[in-house]
Amino acid sequence: MQQEFGPDAEVVDWNTLKSDFGGSVFDSLGILPYPEGDAPAVTWDGSQIWSGDRSYGVNRLEGVVPPGYLVHDQIQNYWACLGSWPADRRIIARVPCD
């Protein structure tokens, strides 16, 4: 990621998304409602991995949690959820501007 976006680029932390939450943030990031969305990767308290090969990702569930979905944290009655999956996916990156 630093090769592509520079040395100060970092994966966005779930806590940042949660504190800055607004549906328009998810729209601007291109996070589509589940199941169309691809659950882009984020960190949680600085960690990318929950357990084994399960990395954190965020889904826009809009209040409907699918059966079997492992919810680590949620925003506004499950509008958005932090989950984890054993999959590679795109990341949400923060790139500071000069």
N, C-alpha and C. Protein backbone atom coordinates (compact mmCIF):
# COMPACT_ATOMS: atom_id res chain seq x y z
N MET A 1 0.82 -1.18 0.00
CA MET A 1 0.00 0.00 0.00
C MET A 1 0.87 1.26 0.00
N GLN A 2 1.94 1.28 0.80
CA GLN A 2 2.80 2.46 0.83
C GLN A 2 3.48 2.70 -0.51
N GLN A 3 3.77 1.63 -1.25
CA GLN A 3 4.37 1.81 -2.57
C GLN A 3 3.43 2.55 -3.50
N GLU A 4 2.13 2.27 -3.37
CA GLU A 4 1.13 2.87 -4.25
C GLU A 4 0.71 4.26 -3.81
N PHE A 5 0.56 4.46 -2.49
CA PHE A 5 -0.01 5.71 -1.98
C PHE A 5 0.94 6.57 -1.17
N GLY A 6 2.15 6.10 -0.91
CA GLY A 6 3.12 6.88 -0.15
C GLY A 6 3.33 6.33 1.25
N PRO A 7 4.41 6.79 1.90
CA PRO A 7 4.81 6.23 3.19
C PRO A 7 3.85 6.51 4.34
N ASP A 8 2.98 7.52 4.21
CA ASP A 8 2.07 7.87 5.30
C ASP A 8 0.69 7.22 5.15
N ALA A 9 0.48 6.46 4.09
CA ALA A 9 -0.82 5.80 3.88
C ALA A 9 -1.00 4.70 4.92
N GLU A 10 -2.25 4.53 5.36
CA GLU A 10 -2.55 3.49 6.33
C GLU A 10 -3.96 2.97 6.13
N VAL A 11 -4.19 1.76 6.59
CA VAL A 11 -5.53 1.18 6.53
C VAL A 11 -6.38 1.91 7.57
N VAL A 12 -7.60 2.27 7.18
CA VAL A 12 -8.51 2.97 8.09
C VAL A 12 -8.95 2.01 9.20
N ASP A 13 -9.00 2.54 10.41
CA ASP A 13 -9.43 1.75 11.56
C ASP A 13 -10.94 1.86 11.73
N TRP A 14 -11.58 0.76 12.11
CA TRP A 14 -13.02 0.71 12.35
C TRP A 14 -13.44 1.82 13.32
N ASN A 15 -12.64 2.08 14.33
CA ASN A 15 -13.00 3.10 15.32
C ASN A 15 -13.10 4.48 14.68
N THR A 16 -12.30 4.75 13.66
CA THR A 16 -12.39 6.02 12.93
C THR A 16 -13.69 6.08 12.15
N LEU A 17 -14.03 5.00 11.45
CA LEU A 17 -15.30 4.96 10.73
C LEU A 17 -16.47 5.15 11.68
N LYS A 18 -16.38 4.51 12.83
CA LYS A 18 -17.46 4.58 13.80
C LYS A 18 -17.62 5.99 14.36
N SER A 19 -16.51 6.65 14.66
CA SER A 19 -16.60 8.00 15.23
C SER A 19 -17.01 9.04 14.20
N ASP A 20 -16.69 8.81 12.94
CA ASP A 20 -17.04 9.75 11.86
C ASP A 20 -18.26 9.28 11.09
N PHE A 21 -19.04 8.39 11.69
CA PHE A 21 -20.09 7.72 10.95
C PHE A 21 -21.14 8.66 10.37
N GLY A 22 -21.52 8.31 9.18
CA GLY A 22 -22.64 8.92 8.47
C GLY A 22 -22.83 8.08 7.22
N GLY A 23 -24.06 7.83 6.83
CA GLY A 23 -24.31 7.01 5.65
C GLY A 23 -23.60 7.52 4.43
N SER A 24 -23.43 8.85 4.33
CA SER A 24 -22.76 9.41 3.16
C SER A 24 -21.29 9.02 3.11
N VAL A 25 -20.68 8.75 4.27
CA VAL A 25 -19.29 8.28 4.29
C VAL A 25 -19.20 6.94 3.56
N PHE A 26 -20.13 6.06 3.83
CA PHE A 26 -20.12 4.75 3.18
C PHE A 26 -20.40 4.89 1.69
N ASP A 27 -21.30 5.80 1.31
CA ASP A 27 -21.55 6.05 -0.11
C ASP A 27 -20.28 6.56 -0.79
N SER A 28 -19.61 7.52 -0.17
CA SER A 28 -18.42 8.10 -0.80
C SER A 28 -17.28 7.10 -0.90
N LEU A 29 -17.25 6.12 0.00
CA LEU A 29 -16.22 5.07 -0.06
C LEU A 29 -16.60 3.94 -1.00
N GLY A 30 -17.82 3.98 -1.53
CA GLY A 30 -18.26 2.93 -2.45
C GLY A 30 -18.64 1.64 -1.77
N ILE A 31 -19.03 1.70 -0.48
CA ILE A 31 -19.43 0.51 0.24
C ILE A 31 -20.91 0.28 -0.04
N LEU A 32 -21.18 -0.73 -0.83
CA LEU A 32 -22.54 -1.06 -1.24
C LEU A 32 -23.24 -1.87 -0.16
N PRO A 33 -24.57 -1.84 -0.12
CA PRO A 33 -25.30 -2.67 0.83
C PRO A 33 -25.03 -4.16 0.59
N TYR A 34 -25.03 -4.94 1.66
CA TYR A 34 -24.89 -6.39 1.58
C TYR A 34 -26.10 -6.96 0.83
N PRO A 35 -26.00 -7.94 -0.01
CA PRO A 35 -24.83 -8.76 -0.30
C PRO A 35 -24.00 -8.28 -1.49
N GLU A 36 -24.38 -7.16 -2.12
CA GLU A 36 -23.61 -6.67 -3.27
C GLU A 36 -22.22 -6.18 -2.88
N GLY A 37 -22.12 -5.62 -1.68
CA GLY A 37 -20.85 -5.07 -1.23
C GLY A 37 -19.80 -6.13 -1.01
N ASP A 38 -18.54 -5.74 -1.10
CA ASP A 38 -17.45 -6.70 -0.97
C ASP A 38 -16.71 -6.61 0.36
N ALA A 39 -17.26 -5.93 1.36
CA ALA A 39 -16.70 -5.86 2.71
C ALA A 39 -15.22 -5.47 2.69
N PRO A 40 -14.92 -4.21 2.36
CA PRO A 40 -13.52 -3.79 2.33
C PRO A 40 -12.86 -3.94 3.70
N ALA A 41 -11.57 -4.21 3.66
CA ALA A 41 -10.79 -4.46 4.87
C ALA A 41 -10.52 -3.17 5.64
N VAL A 42 -10.56 -3.29 6.94
CA VAL A 42 -10.20 -2.23 7.88
C VAL A 42 -9.40 -2.89 9.01
N THR A 43 -8.84 -2.07 9.87
CA THR A 43 -8.25 -2.59 11.10
C THR A 43 -9.22 -2.35 12.24
N TRP A 44 -8.99 -2.99 13.35
CA TRP A 44 -9.75 -2.72 14.57
C TRP A 44 -8.75 -2.61 15.70
N ASP A 45 -8.68 -1.45 16.29
CA ASP A 45 -7.67 -1.14 17.31
C ASP A 45 -6.27 -1.45 16.77
N GLY A 46 -6.06 -1.18 15.48
CA GLY A 46 -4.76 -1.35 14.86
C GLY A 46 -4.46 -2.74 14.34
N SER A 47 -5.32 -3.70 14.58
CA SER A 47 -5.07 -5.08 14.13
C SER A 47 -5.88 -5.37 12.86
N GLN A 48 -5.26 -6.06 11.91
CA GLN A 48 -5.96 -6.45 10.69
C GLN A 48 -6.57 -7.84 10.80
N ILE A 49 -6.10 -8.65 11.74
CA ILE A 49 -6.50 -10.05 11.85
C ILE A 49 -7.26 -10.28 13.16
N TRP A 50 -8.42 -10.95 13.05
CA TRP A 50 -9.16 -11.33 14.25
C TRP A 50 -8.58 -12.62 14.81
N SER A 51 -8.50 -13.66 13.99
CA SER A 51 -7.98 -14.95 14.41
C SER A 51 -7.58 -15.75 13.17
N GLY A 52 -6.46 -16.43 13.24
CA GLY A 52 -6.02 -17.25 12.11
C GLY A 52 -5.89 -16.42 10.86
N ASP A 53 -6.67 -16.77 9.82
CA ASP A 53 -6.61 -16.02 8.56
C ASP A 53 -7.84 -15.13 8.38
N ARG A 54 -8.61 -14.89 9.43
CA ARG A 54 -9.82 -14.05 9.36
C ARG A 54 -9.43 -12.59 9.57
N SER A 55 -9.52 -11.82 8.48
CA SER A 55 -9.22 -10.39 8.57
C SER A 55 -10.51 -9.59 8.70
N TYR A 56 -10.40 -8.42 9.33
CA TYR A 56 -11.57 -7.57 9.55
C TYR A 56 -12.04 -6.91 8.27
N GLY A 57 -13.35 -6.78 8.15
CA GLY A 57 -13.96 -6.07 7.04
C GLY A 57 -15.26 -5.43 7.51
N VAL A 58 -15.72 -4.46 6.75
CA VAL A 58 -16.93 -3.74 7.12
C VAL A 58 -18.02 -3.99 6.08
N ASN A 59 -19.22 -4.27 6.57
CA ASN A 59 -20.39 -4.47 5.70
C ASN A 59 -21.46 -3.45 6.03
N ARG A 60 -22.14 -3.03 5.02
CA ARG A 60 -23.29 -2.13 5.15
C ARG A 60 -24.53 -3.01 5.15
N LEU A 61 -25.01 -3.36 6.35
CA LEU A 61 -26.12 -4.31 6.48
C LEU A 61 -27.48 -3.62 6.57
N GLU A 62 -27.48 -2.35 6.86
CA GLU A 62 -28.71 -1.55 6.94
C GLU A 62 -29.76 -2.21 7.83
N GLY A 63 -29.32 -2.76 8.97
CA GLY A 63 -30.22 -3.29 9.98
C GLY A 63 -30.57 -4.76 9.87
N VAL A 64 -30.13 -5.44 8.83
CA VAL A 64 -30.47 -6.86 8.64
C VAL A 64 -29.19 -7.69 8.67
N VAL A 65 -28.98 -8.39 9.77
CA VAL A 65 -27.77 -9.22 9.92
C VAL A 65 -28.06 -10.61 9.38
N PRO A 66 -27.29 -11.06 8.37
CA PRO A 66 -27.53 -12.39 7.80
C PRO A 66 -27.21 -13.50 8.81
N PRO A 67 -27.87 -14.65 8.69
CA PRO A 67 -27.56 -15.78 9.56
C PRO A 67 -26.08 -16.16 9.45
N GLY A 68 -25.48 -16.43 10.58
CA GLY A 68 -24.08 -16.85 10.58
C GLY A 68 -23.06 -15.72 10.52
N TYR A 69 -23.52 -14.48 10.40
CA TYR A 69 -22.60 -13.34 10.33
C TYR A 69 -21.99 -13.11 11.70
N LEU A 70 -20.68 -13.12 11.80
CA LEU A 70 -19.99 -12.89 13.06
C LEU A 70 -19.80 -11.38 13.24
N VAL A 71 -20.60 -10.78 14.10
CA VAL A 71 -20.55 -9.34 14.36
C VAL A 71 -19.56 -9.08 15.49
N HIS A 72 -18.49 -8.33 15.18
CA HIS A 72 -17.54 -7.92 16.21
C HIS A 72 -17.96 -6.59 16.83
N ASP A 73 -18.56 -5.73 16.02
CA ASP A 73 -19.04 -4.43 16.48
C ASP A 73 -20.03 -3.93 15.44
N GLN A 74 -20.83 -2.92 15.81
CA GLN A 74 -21.84 -2.42 14.88
C GLN A 74 -22.08 -0.93 15.13
N ILE A 75 -22.69 -0.29 14.15
CA ILE A 75 -23.04 1.12 14.22
C ILE A 75 -24.54 1.26 13.96
N GLN A 76 -25.19 2.06 14.76
CA GLN A 76 -26.60 2.43 14.60
C GLN A 76 -27.51 1.26 14.26
N ASN A 77 -27.71 0.39 15.25
CA ASN A 77 -28.63 -0.74 15.09
C ASN A 77 -28.31 -1.60 13.87
N TYR A 78 -27.03 -1.91 13.72
CA TYR A 78 -26.56 -2.81 12.67
C TYR A 78 -26.68 -2.23 11.26
N TRP A 79 -26.67 -0.90 11.15
CA TRP A 79 -26.64 -0.29 9.82
C TRP A 79 -25.33 -0.68 9.13
N ALA A 80 -24.25 -0.63 9.90
CA ALA A 80 -22.95 -1.09 9.42
C ALA A 80 -22.34 -1.98 10.49
N CYS A 81 -21.64 -3.04 10.05
CA CYS A 81 -21.07 -3.99 11.00
C CYS A 81 -19.62 -4.29 10.67
N LEU A 82 -18.87 -4.56 11.71
CA LEU A 82 -17.52 -5.06 11.59
C LEU A 82 -17.58 -6.57 11.71
N GLY A 83 -17.10 -7.26 10.69
CA GLY A 83 -17.05 -8.72 10.70
C GLY A 83 -15.64 -9.19 10.38
N SER A 84 -15.47 -10.47 10.19
CA SER A 84 -14.16 -11.01 9.78
C SER A 84 -14.38 -12.25 8.91
N TRP A 85 -13.50 -12.40 7.91
CA TRP A 85 -13.59 -13.49 6.95
C TRP A 85 -12.20 -13.91 6.53
N PRO A 86 -12.03 -15.15 6.11
CA PRO A 86 -10.74 -15.59 5.55
C PRO A 86 -10.70 -15.29 4.05
N ALA A 87 -10.52 -14.01 3.72
CA ALA A 87 -10.52 -13.63 2.31
C ALA A 87 -9.65 -12.41 2.08
N ASP A 88 -9.09 -12.33 0.88
CA ASP A 88 -8.41 -11.11 0.46
C ASP A 88 -9.46 -10.17 -0.08
N ARG A 89 -9.31 -8.89 0.18
CA ARG A 89 -10.26 -7.90 -0.32
C ARG A 89 -9.58 -6.55 -0.39
N ARG A 90 -10.26 -5.63 -1.04
CA ARG A 90 -9.72 -4.27 -1.11
C ARG A 90 -9.71 -3.67 0.29
N ILE A 91 -8.92 -2.63 0.47
CA ILE A 91 -8.84 -1.97 1.77
C ILE A 91 -9.40 -0.56 1.67
N ILE A 92 -9.74 -0.02 2.81
CA ILE A 92 -10.05 1.41 2.90
C ILE A 92 -8.80 2.06 3.45
N ALA A 93 -8.19 2.92 2.66
CA ALA A 93 -6.93 3.55 3.05
C ALA A 93 -7.12 5.02 3.35
N ARG A 94 -6.33 5.52 4.30
CA ARG A 94 -6.28 6.93 4.60
C ARG A 94 -4.95 7.44 4.09
N VAL A 95 -5.02 8.44 3.21
CA VAL A 95 -3.81 9.01 2.63
C VAL A 95 -3.78 10.48 2.97
N PRO A 96 -2.89 10.90 3.88
CA PRO A 96 -2.81 12.31 4.26
C PRO A 96 -2.44 13.20 3.08
N CYS A 97 -3.03 14.38 3.04
CA CYS A 97 -2.72 15.38 2.01
C CYS A 97 -1.72 16.39 2.57
N ASP A 98 -0.91 16.91 1.69
CA ASP A 98 0.02 17.96 2.12
C ASP A 98 -0.69 19.27 2.32
